[in-house]
PDB file of all heavy atoms in Angstrom:
ATOM      1  N   ARG A   1       0.837  -1.188   0.000  1.00  0.00           N
ATOM      2  CA  ARG A   1       0.000   0.000   0.000  1.00  0.00           C
ATOM      3  C   ARG A   1       0.877   1.245   0.000  1.00  0.00           C
ATOM      4  O   ARG A   1       1.871   1.319   0.729  1.00  0.00           O
ATOM      5  CB  ARG A   1      -0.921  -0.012   1.213  1.00  0.00           C
ATOM      6  CG  ARG A   1      -1.902  -1.160   1.127  1.00  0.00           C
ATOM      7  CD  ARG A   1      -2.977  -1.222   2.173  1.00  0.00           C
ATOM      8  NE  ARG A   1      -2.898  -0.314   3.274  1.00  0.00           N
ATOM      9  CZ  ARG A   1      -3.332  -0.600   4.492  1.00  0.00           C
ATOM     10  NH1 ARG A   1      -3.840  -1.782   4.743  1.00  0.00           N
ATOM     11  NH2 ARG A   1      -3.258   0.278   5.455  1.00  0.00           N
ATOM     12  N   ALA A   2       0.510   2.215  -0.805  1.00  0.00           N
ATOM     13  CA  ALA A   2       1.320   3.420  -0.970  1.00  0.00           C
ATOM     14  C   ALA A   2       1.562   4.143   0.347  1.00  0.00           C
ATOM     15  O   ALA A   2       2.654   4.668   0.575  1.00  0.00           O
ATOM     16  CB  ALA A   2       0.664   4.354  -1.981  1.00  0.00           C
ATOM     17  N   GLU A   3       0.564   4.143   1.253  1.00  0.00           N
ATOM     18  CA  GLU A   3       0.749   4.877   2.503  1.00  0.00           C
ATOM     19  C   GLU A   3       1.814   4.252   3.401  1.00  0.00           C
ATOM     20  O   GLU A   3       2.338   4.907   4.296  1.00  0.00           O
ATOM     21  CB  GLU A   3      -0.578   5.039   3.265  1.00  0.00           C
ATOM     22  CG  GLU A   3      -1.202   3.752   3.725  1.00  0.00           C
ATOM     23  CD  GLU A   3      -2.224   3.178   2.764  1.00  0.00           C
ATOM     24  OE1 GLU A   3      -2.234   3.556   1.565  1.00  0.00           O
ATOM     25  OE2 GLU A   3      -3.008   2.335   3.199  1.00  0.00           O
ATOM     26  N   TRP A   4       2.159   2.990   3.168  1.00  0.00           N
ATOM     27  CA  TRP A   4       3.216   2.366   3.963  1.00  0.00           C
ATOM     28  C   TRP A   4       4.591   2.928   3.634  1.00  0.00           C
ATOM     29  O   TRP A   4       5.509   2.828   4.434  1.00  0.00           O
ATOM     30  CB  TRP A   4       3.237   0.867   3.769  1.00  0.00           C
ATOM     31  CG  TRP A   4       2.054   0.156   4.365  1.00  0.00           C
ATOM     32  CD1 TRP A   4       1.157   0.652   5.278  1.00  0.00           C
ATOM     33  CD2 TRP A   4       1.641  -1.160   4.083  1.00  0.00           C
ATOM     34  NE1 TRP A   4       0.221  -0.287   5.585  1.00  0.00           N
ATOM     35  CE2 TRP A   4       0.487  -1.429   4.851  1.00  0.00           C
ATOM     36  CE3 TRP A   4       2.125  -2.155   3.248  1.00  0.00           C
ATOM     37  CZ2 TRP A   4      -0.167  -2.631   4.826  1.00  0.00           C
ATOM     38  CZ3 TRP A   4       1.454  -3.364   3.222  1.00  0.00           C
ATOM     39  CH2 TRP A   4       0.327  -3.604   4.007  1.00  0.00           C
ATOM     40  N   ILE A   5       4.757   3.484   2.455  1.00  0.00           N
ATOM     41  CA  ILE A   5       6.073   3.987   2.085  1.00  0.00           C
ATOM     42  C   ILE A   5       6.343   5.372   2.691  1.00  0.00           C
ATOM     43  O   ILE A   5       7.487   5.773   2.852  1.00  0.00           O
ATOM     44  CB  ILE A   5       6.275   3.984   0.557  1.00  0.00           C
ATOM     45  CG1 ILE A   5       7.772   4.034   0.249  1.00  0.00           C
ATOM     46  CG2 ILE A   5       5.517   5.120  -0.113  1.00  0.00           C
ATOM     47  CD1 ILE A   5       8.152   3.618  -1.129  1.00  0.00           C
ATOM     48  N   ASN A   6       5.288   6.087   3.063  1.00  0.00           N
ATOM     49  CA  ASN A   6       5.469   7.447   3.587  1.00  0.00           C
ATOM     50  C   ASN A   6       6.395   7.520   4.799  1.00  0.00           C
ATOM     51  O   ASN A   6       7.232   8.425   4.859  1.00  0.00           O
ATOM     52  CB  ASN A   6       4.117   8.092   3.872  1.00  0.00           C
ATOM     53  CG  ASN A   6       3.370   8.395   2.596  1.00  0.00           C
ATOM     54  OD1 ASN A   6       3.956   8.603   1.544  1.00  0.00           O
ATOM     55  ND2 ASN A   6       2.047   8.409   2.684  1.00  0.00           N
ATOM     56  N   PRO A   7       6.309   6.606   5.784  1.00  0.00           N
ATOM     57  CA  PRO A   7       7.261   6.687   6.896  1.00  0.00           C
ATOM     58  C   PRO A   7       8.718   6.516   6.447  1.00  0.00           C
ATOM     59  O   PRO A   7       9.622   7.127   7.019  1.00  0.00           O
ATOM     60  CB  PRO A   7       6.834   5.538   7.817  1.00  0.00           C
ATOM     61  CG  PRO A   7       5.389   5.336   7.515  1.00  0.00           C
ATOM     62  CD  PRO A   7       5.257   5.617   6.042  1.00  0.00           C
ATOM     63  N   PHE A   8       8.946   5.719   5.418  1.00  0.00           N
ATOM     64  CA  PHE A   8      10.304   5.522   4.919  1.00  0.00           C
ATOM     65  C   PHE A   8      10.802   6.764   4.185  1.00  0.00           C
ATOM     66  O   PHE A   8      11.960   7.157   4.321  1.00  0.00           O
ATOM     67  CB  PHE A   8      10.360   4.281   4.020  1.00  0.00           C
ATOM     68  CG  PHE A   8      10.084   3.015   4.763  1.00  0.00           C
ATOM     69  CD1 PHE A   8       8.799   2.488   4.799  1.00  0.00           C
ATOM     70  CD2 PHE A   8      11.091   2.366   5.453  1.00  0.00           C
ATOM     71  CE1 PHE A   8       8.527   1.327   5.504  1.00  0.00           C
ATOM     72  CE2 PHE A   8      10.824   1.202   6.165  1.00  0.00           C
ATOM     73  CZ  PHE A   8       9.543   0.682   6.192  1.00  0.00           C
ATOM     74  N   ILE A   9       9.918   7.397   3.420  1.00  0.00           N
ATOM     75  CA  ILE A   9      10.278   8.638   2.718  1.00  0.00           C
ATOM     76  C   ILE A   9      10.623   9.725   3.738  1.00  0.00           C
ATOM     77  O   ILE A   9      11.652  10.403   3.616  1.00  0.00           O
ATOM     78  CB  ILE A   9       9.124   9.089   1.802  1.00  0.00           C
ATOM     79  CG1 ILE A   9       8.964   8.111   0.628  1.00  0.00           C
ATOM     80  CG2 ILE A   9       9.354  10.514   1.295  1.00  0.00           C
ATOM     81  CD1 ILE A   9       7.708   8.325  -0.198  1.00  0.00           C
ATOM     82  N   ALA A  10       9.775   9.882   4.740  1.00  0.00           N
ATOM     83  CA  ALA A  10      10.021  10.895   5.775  1.00  0.00           C
ATOM     84  C   ALA A  10      11.305  10.596   6.533  1.00  0.00           C
ATOM     85  O   ALA A  10      12.105  11.502   6.819  1.00  0.00           O
ATOM     86  CB  ALA A  10       8.831  10.966   6.724  1.00  0.00           C
ATOM     87  N   SER A  11      11.523   9.335   6.850  1.00  0.00           N
ATOM     88  CA  SER A  11      12.715   8.932   7.585  1.00  0.00           C
ATOM     89  C   SER A  11      13.984   9.202   6.787  1.00  0.00           C
ATOM     90  O   SER A  11      14.985   9.677   7.328  1.00  0.00           O
ATOM     91  CB  SER A  11      12.606   7.448   7.938  1.00  0.00           C
ATOM     92  OG  SER A  11      13.745   7.015   8.622  1.00  0.00           O
ATOM     93  N   LEU A  12      13.949   8.918   5.488  1.00  0.00           N
ATOM     94  CA  LEU A  12      15.116   9.178   4.650  1.00  0.00           C
ATOM     95  C   LEU A  12      15.421  10.674   4.613  1.00  0.00           C
ATOM     96  O   LEU A  12      16.566  11.089   4.800  1.00  0.00           O
ATOM     97  CB  LEU A  12      14.897   8.638   3.238  1.00  0.00           C
ATOM     98  CG  LEU A  12      16.126   8.789   2.337  1.00  0.00           C
ATOM     99  CD1 LEU A  12      16.287   7.562   1.470  1.00  0.00           C
ATOM    100  CD2 LEU A  12      16.042  10.024   1.480  1.00  0.00           C
ATOM    101  N   GLY A  13      14.403  11.483   4.397  1.00  0.00           N
ATOM    102  CA  GLY A  13      14.607  12.933   4.363  1.00  0.00           C
ATOM    103  C   GLY A  13      15.162  13.454   5.664  1.00  0.00           C
ATOM    104  O   GLY A  13      16.091  14.280   5.682  1.00  0.00           O
ATOM    105  N   ASN A  14      14.634  12.948   6.779  1.00  0.00           N
ATOM    106  CA  ASN A  14      15.099  13.373   8.088  1.00  0.00           C
ATOM    107  C   ASN A  14      16.542  12.944   8.339  1.00  0.00           C
ATOM    108  O   ASN A  14      17.355  13.722   8.841  1.00  0.00           O
ATOM    109  CB  ASN A  14      14.176  12.817   9.178  1.00  0.00           C
ATOM    110  CG  ASN A  14      14.527  13.341  10.536  1.00  0.00           C
ATOM    111  OD1 ASN A  14      14.682  14.540  10.737  1.00  0.00           O
ATOM    112  ND2 ASN A  14      14.646  12.438  11.492  1.00  0.00           N
ATOM    113  N   ALA A  15      16.880  11.707   8.009  1.00  0.00           N
ATOM    114  CA  ALA A  15      18.241  11.210   8.217  1.00  0.00           C
ATOM    115  C   ALA A  15      19.252  12.008   7.400  1.00  0.00           C
ATOM    116  O   ALA A  15      20.308  12.399   7.916  1.00  0.00           O
ATOM    117  CB  ALA A  15      18.331   9.721   7.868  1.00  0.00           C
ATOM    118  N   PHE A  16      18.929  12.277   6.144  1.00  0.00           N
ATOM    119  CA  PHE A  16      19.859  13.034   5.314  1.00  0.00           C
ATOM    120  C   PHE A  16      20.002  14.474   5.807  1.00  0.00           C
ATOM    121  O   PHE A  16      21.099  15.028   5.801  1.00  0.00           O
ATOM    122  CB  PHE A  16      19.438  12.994   3.840  1.00  0.00           C
ATOM    123  CG  PHE A  16      20.074  11.868   3.081  1.00  0.00           C
ATOM    124  CD1 PHE A  16      19.635  10.563   3.260  1.00  0.00           C
ATOM    125  CD2 PHE A  16      21.117  12.088   2.205  1.00  0.00           C
ATOM    126  CE1 PHE A  16      20.220   9.512   2.576  1.00  0.00           C
ATOM    127  CE2 PHE A  16      21.720  11.055   1.520  1.00  0.00           C
ATOM    128  CZ  PHE A  16      21.270   9.747   1.706  1.00  0.00           C
ATOM    129  N   GLN A  17      18.894  15.067   6.233  1.00  0.00           N
ATOM    130  CA  GLN A  17      18.962  16.455   6.685  1.00  0.00           C
ATOM    131  C   GLN A  17      19.663  16.573   8.038  1.00  0.00           C
ATOM    132  O   GLN A  17      20.548  17.399   8.211  1.00  0.00           O
ATOM    133  CB  GLN A  17      17.558  17.060   6.768  1.00  0.00           C
ATOM    134  CG  GLN A  17      17.560  18.551   7.041  1.00  0.00           C
ATOM    135  CD  GLN A  17      18.243  19.359   5.951  1.00  0.00           C
ATOM    136  OE1 GLN A  17      17.914  19.253   4.780  1.00  0.00           O
ATOM    137  NE2 GLN A  17      19.222  20.162   6.326  1.00  0.00           N
ATOM    138  N   THR A  18      19.270  15.757   9.012  1.00  0.00           N
ATOM    139  CA  THR A  18      19.816  15.916  10.366  1.00  0.00           C
ATOM    140  C   THR A  18      21.199  15.294  10.532  1.00  0.00           C
ATOM    141  O   THR A  18      22.052  15.873  11.197  1.00  0.00           O
ATOM    142  CB  THR A  18      18.871  15.333  11.433  1.00  0.00           C
ATOM    143  OG1 THR A  18      18.687  13.946  11.197  1.00  0.00           O
ATOM    144  CG2 THR A  18      17.533  16.037  11.426  1.00  0.00           C
ATOM    145  N   MET A  19      21.434  14.138   9.954  1.00  0.00           N
ATOM    146  CA  MET A  19      22.718  13.454  10.144  1.00  0.00           C
ATOM    147  C   MET A  19      23.792  13.903   9.161  1.00  0.00           C
ATOM    148  O   MET A  19      24.977  13.874   9.485  1.00  0.00           O
ATOM    149  CB  MET A  19      22.530  11.938  10.009  1.00  0.00           C
ATOM    150  CG  MET A  19      21.600  11.327  11.038  1.00  0.00           C
ATOM    151  SD  MET A  19      22.142  11.551  12.738  1.00  0.00           S
ATOM    152  CE  MET A  19      23.674  10.650  12.731  1.00  0.00           C
ATOM    153  N   LEU A  20      23.361  14.306   7.963  1.00  0.00           N
ATOM    154  CA  LEU A  20      24.335  14.613   6.915  1.00  0.00           C
ATOM    155  C   LEU A  20      24.292  16.071   6.452  1.00  0.00           C
ATOM    156  O   LEU A  20      25.107  16.468   5.618  1.00  0.00           O
ATOM    157  CB  LEU A  20      24.092  13.692   5.707  1.00  0.00           C
ATOM    158  CG  LEU A  20      24.115  12.187   5.986  1.00  0.00           C
ATOM    159  CD1 LEU A  20      23.694  11.414   4.753  1.00  0.00           C
ATOM    160  CD2 LEU A  20      25.485  11.747   6.477  1.00  0.00           C
ATOM    161  N   SER A  21      23.316  16.839   6.934  1.00  0.00           N
ATOM    162  CA  SER A  21      23.108  18.224   6.467  1.00  0.00           C
ATOM    163  C   SER A  21      23.002  18.274   4.951  1.00  0.00           C
ATOM    164  O   SER A  21      23.542  19.168   4.301  1.00  0.00           O
ATOM    165  CB  SER A  21      24.226  19.144   6.960  1.00  0.00           C
ATOM    166  OG  SER A  21      24.240  19.193   8.367  1.00  0.00           O
ATOM    167  N   CYS A  22      22.297  17.298   4.403  1.00  0.00           N
ATOM    168  CA  CYS A  22      22.146  17.178   2.954  1.00  0.00           C
ATOM    169  C   CYS A  22      20.662  17.126   2.613  1.00  0.00           C
ATOM    170  O   CYS A  22      19.979  16.170   2.967  1.00  0.00           O
ATOM    171  CB  CYS A  22      22.837  15.908   2.459  1.00  0.00           C
ATOM    172  SG  CYS A  22      22.694  15.641   0.682  1.00  0.00           S
ATOM    173  N   PRO A  23      20.155  18.148   1.929  1.00  0.00           N
ATOM    174  CA  PRO A  23      18.746  18.113   1.541  1.00  0.00           C
ATOM    175  C   PRO A  23      18.504  17.083   0.439  1.00  0.00           C
ATOM    176  O   PRO A  23      19.387  16.793  -0.365  1.00  0.00           O
ATOM    177  CB  PRO A  23      18.486  19.527   1.028  1.00  0.00           C
ATOM    178  CG  PRO A  23      19.824  20.007   0.558  1.00  0.00           C
ATOM    179  CD  PRO A  23      20.838  19.351   1.456  1.00  0.00           C
ATOM    180  N   VAL A  24      17.301  16.517   0.444  1.00  0.00           N
ATOM    181  CA  VAL A  24      16.910  15.577  -0.606  1.00  0.00           C
ATOM    182  C   VAL A  24      15.644  16.089  -1.265  1.00  0.00           C
ATOM    183  O   VAL A  24      14.823  16.747  -0.637  1.00  0.00           O
ATOM    184  CB  VAL A  24      16.671  14.145  -0.064  1.00  0.00           C
ATOM    185  CG1 VAL A  24      17.934  13.551   0.505  1.00  0.00           C
ATOM    186  CG2 VAL A  24      15.560  14.105   0.958  1.00  0.00           C
ATOM    187  N   GLN A  25      15.516  15.808  -2.542  1.00  0.00           N
ATOM    188  CA  GLN A  25      14.297  16.144  -3.273  1.00  0.00           C
ATOM    189  C   GLN A  25      13.739  14.857  -3.848  1.00  0.00           C
ATOM    190  O   GLN A  25      14.391  14.160  -4.628  1.00  0.00           O
ATOM    191  CB  GLN A  25      14.577  17.145  -4.385  1.00  0.00           C
ATOM    192  CG  GLN A  25      13.311  17.548  -5.091  1.00  0.00           C
ATOM    193  CD  GLN A  25      13.485  18.847  -5.856  1.00  0.00           C
ATOM    194  OE1 GLN A  25      14.547  19.447  -5.867  1.00  0.00           O
ATOM    195  NE2 GLN A  25      12.429  19.267  -6.500  1.00  0.00           N
ATOM    196  N   ARG A  26      12.504  14.547  -3.450  1.00  0.00           N
ATOM    197  CA  ARG A  26      11.866  13.294  -3.835  1.00  0.00           C
ATOM    198  C   ARG A  26      11.297  13.372  -5.240  1.00  0.00           C
ATOM    199  O   ARG A  26      10.721  14.365  -5.640  1.00  0.00           O
ATOM    200  CB  ARG A  26      10.751  12.975  -2.838  1.00  0.00           C
ATOM    201  CG  ARG A  26       9.995  11.710  -3.149  1.00  0.00           C
ATOM    202  CD  ARG A  26       8.944  11.415  -2.101  1.00  0.00           C
ATOM    203  NE  ARG A  26       7.838  12.352  -2.088  1.00  0.00           N
ATOM    204  CZ  ARG A  26       6.727  12.215  -2.816  1.00  0.00           C
ATOM    205  NH1 ARG A  26       6.586  11.195  -3.625  1.00  0.00           N
ATOM    206  NH2 ARG A  26       5.764  13.083  -2.727  1.00  0.00           N
ATOM    207  N   GLY A  27      11.436  12.272  -5.959  1.00  0.00           N
ATOM    208  CA  GLY A  27      10.791  12.113  -7.251  1.00  0.00           C
ATOM    209  C   GLY A  27       9.487  11.355  -7.085  1.00  0.00           C
ATOM    210  O   GLY A  27       9.005  11.153  -5.973  1.00  0.00           O
ATOM    211  N   ALA A  28       8.933  10.897  -8.178  1.00  0.00           N
ATOM    212  CA  ALA A  28       7.639  10.211  -8.174  1.00  0.00           C
ATOM    213  C   ALA A  28       7.774   8.757  -7.715  1.00  0.00           C
ATOM    214  O   ALA A  28       8.698   8.047  -8.121  1.00  0.00           O
ATOM    215  CB  ALA A  28       7.029  10.240  -9.570  1.00  0.00           C
ATOM    216  N   VAL A  29       6.829   8.314  -6.887  1.00  0.00           N
ATOM    217  CA  VAL A  29       6.764   6.920  -6.450  1.00  0.00           C
ATOM    218  C   VAL A  29       6.314   6.069  -7.628  1.00  0.00           C
ATOM    219  O   VAL A  29       5.391   6.429  -8.355  1.00  0.00           O
ATOM    220  CB  VAL A  29       5.765   6.769  -5.277  1.00  0.00           C
ATOM    221  CG1 VAL A  29       5.627   5.308  -4.874  1.00  0.00           C
ATOM    222  CG2 VAL A  29       6.188   7.616  -4.090  1.00  0.00           C
ATOM    223  N   ALA A  30       6.982   4.927  -7.821  1.00  0.00           N
ATOM    224  CA  ALA A  30       6.633   4.028  -8.924  1.00  0.00           C
ATOM    225  C   ALA A  30       6.788   2.590  -8.457  1.00  0.00           C
ATOM    226  O   ALA A  30       7.472   2.317  -7.471  1.00  0.00           O
ATOM    227  CB  ALA A  30       7.546   4.283 -10.121  1.00  0.00           C
ATOM    228  N   LEU A  31       6.163   1.667  -9.167  1.00  0.00           N
ATOM    229  CA  LEU A  31       6.383   0.254  -8.904  1.00  0.00           C
ATOM    230  C   LEU A  31       7.796  -0.110  -9.321  1.00  0.00           C
ATOM    231  O   LEU A  31       8.286   0.352 -10.356  1.00  0.00           O
ATOM    232  CB  LEU A  31       5.384  -0.608  -9.680  1.00  0.00           C
ATOM    233  CG  LEU A  31       3.924  -0.508  -9.247  1.00  0.00           C
ATOM    234  CD1 LEU A  31       3.042  -1.339 -10.184  1.00  0.00           C
ATOM    235  CD2 LEU A  31       3.746  -0.957  -7.808  1.00  0.00           C
ATOM    236  N   LYS A  32       8.442  -0.929  -8.539  1.00  0.00           N
ATOM    237  CA  LYS A  32       9.798  -1.382  -8.834  1.00  0.00           C
ATOM    238  C   LYS A  32       9.741  -2.457  -9.906  1.00  0.00           C
ATOM    239  O   LYS A  32       8.961  -3.401  -9.813  1.00  0.00           O
ATOM    240  CB  LYS A  32      10.431  -1.931  -7.549  1.00  0.00           C
ATOM    241  CG  LYS A  32      11.690  -2.726  -7.730  1.00  0.00           C
ATOM    242  CD  LYS A  32      12.853  -1.859  -8.038  1.00  0.00           C
ATOM    243  CE  LYS A  32      14.116  -2.728  -8.104  1.00  0.00           C
ATOM    244  NZ  LYS A  32      15.105  -2.210  -8.943  1.00  0.00           N
ATOM    245  N   ASN A  33      10.572  -2.310 -10.910  1.00  0.00           N
ATOM    246  CA  ASN A  33      10.674  -3.306 -11.973  1.00  0.00           C
ATOM    247  C   ASN A  33      12.014  -4.013 -11.878  1.00  0.00           C
ATOM    248  O   ASN A  33      13.048  -3.367 -11.750  1.00  0.00           O
ATOM    249  CB  ASN A  33      10.553  -2.646 -13.352  1.00  0.00           C
ATOM    250  CG  ASN A  33       9.161  -2.115 -13.594  1.00  0.00           C
ATOM    251  OD1 ASN A  33       8.183  -2.763 -13.256  1.00  0.00           O
ATOM    252  ND2 ASN A  33       9.067  -0.923 -14.163  1.00  0.00           N
ATOM    253  N   GLY A  34      11.998  -5.322 -11.939  1.00  0.00           N
ATOM    254  CA  GLY A  34      13.235  -6.091 -11.939  1.00  0.00           C
ATOM    255  C   GLY A  34      13.833  -6.256 -10.553  1.00  0.00           C
ATOM    256  O   GLY A  34      13.264  -5.853  -9.542  1.00  0.00           O
ATOM    257  N   HIS A  35      15.024  -6.846 -10.523  1.00  0.00           N
ATOM    258  CA  HIS A  35      15.695  -7.158  -9.263  1.00  0.00           C
ATOM    259  C   HIS A  35      16.983  -6.374  -9.083  1.00  0.00           C
ATOM    260  O   HIS A  35      17.668  -6.555  -8.079  1.00  0.00           O
ATOM    261  CB  HIS A  35      16.019  -8.653  -9.202  1.00  0.00           C
ATOM    262  CG  HIS A  35      14.812  -9.527  -9.324  1.00  0.00           C
ATOM    263  ND1 HIS A  35      13.860  -9.618  -8.342  1.00  0.00           N
ATOM    264  CD2 HIS A  35      14.403 -10.332 -10.330  1.00  0.00           C
ATOM    265  CE1 HIS A  35      12.920 -10.444  -8.721  1.00  0.00           C
ATOM    266  NE2 HIS A  35      13.215 -10.891  -9.935  1.00  0.00           N
ATOM    267  N   THR A  36      17.349  -5.550 -10.041  1.00  0.00           N
ATOM    268  CA  THR A  36      18.613  -4.839  -9.987  1.00  0.00           C
ATOM    269  C   THR A  36      18.398  -3.410  -9.504  1.00  0.00           C
ATOM    270  O   THR A  36      17.693  -2.637 -10.153  1.00  0.00           O
ATOM    271  CB  THR A  36      19.277  -4.812 -11.383  1.00  0.00           C
ATOM    272  OG1 THR A  36      19.407  -6.152 -11.852  1.00  0.00           O
ATOM    273  CG2 THR A  36      20.646  -4.160 -11.326  1.00  0.00           C
ATOM    274  N   PRO A  37      18.980  -3.055  -8.354  1.00  0.00           N
ATOM    275  CA  PRO A  37      18.897  -1.665  -7.918  1.00  0.00           C
ATOM    276  C   PRO A  37      19.580  -0.748  -8.926  1.00  0.00           C
ATOM    277  O   PRO A  37      20.451  -1.171  -9.692  1.00  0.00           O
ATOM    278  CB  PRO A  37      19.646  -1.661  -6.585  1.00  0.00           C
ATOM    279  CG  PRO A  37      19.563  -3.073  -6.105  1.00  0.00           C
ATOM    280  CD  PRO A  37      19.631  -3.901  -7.367  1.00  0.00           C
ATOM    281  N   LYS A  38      19.187   0.496  -8.928  1.00  0.00           N
ATOM    282  CA  LYS A  38      19.673   1.438  -9.937  1.00  0.00           C
ATOM    283  C   LYS A  38      21.152   1.781  -9.774  1.00  0.00           C
ATOM    284  O   LYS A  38      21.846   2.025 -10.754  1.00  0.00           O
ATOM    285  CB  LYS A  38      18.830   2.705  -9.881  1.00  0.00           C
ATOM    286  CG  LYS A  38      19.151   3.669 -10.981  1.00  0.00           C
ATOM    287  CD  LYS A  38      18.054   4.645 -11.221  1.00  0.00           C
ATOM    288  CE  LYS A  38      18.423   5.496 -12.422  1.00  0.00           C
ATOM    289  NZ  LYS A  38      17.307   6.070 -13.067  1.00  0.00           N
ATOM    290  N   TYR A  39      21.636   1.810  -8.526  1.00  0.00           N
ATOM    291  CA  TYR A  39      23.002   2.276  -8.285  1.00  0.00           C
ATOM    292  C   TYR A  39      23.882   1.172  -7.718  1.00  0.00           C
ATOM    293  O   TYR A  39      23.401   0.107  -7.339  1.00  0.00           O
ATOM    294  CB  TYR A  39      22.970   3.514  -7.388  1.00  0.00           C
ATOM    295  CG  TYR A  39      22.165   4.616  -8.036  1.00  0.00           C
ATOM    296  CD1 TYR A  39      20.924   4.984  -7.533  1.00  0.00           C
ATOM    297  CD2 TYR A  39      22.611   5.236  -9.192  1.00  0.00           C
ATOM    298  CE1 TYR A  39      20.165   5.961  -8.158  1.00  0.00           C
ATOM    299  CE2 TYR A  39      21.854   6.215  -9.819  1.00  0.00           C
ATOM    300  CZ  TYR A  39      20.631   6.573  -9.299  1.00  0.00           C
ATOM    301  OH  TYR A  39      19.882   7.527  -9.920  1.00  0.00           O
TER     302      TYR A  39
END
């Protein structure tokens, strides 16, 4: 369910901002295709 991802999105933004002083800008949520992470 899409609403389950919101705590992870918020947590990532908070971790990057508070721990790393690095702002993040979120893109669009999409279904994951395949098994290979992008990076």
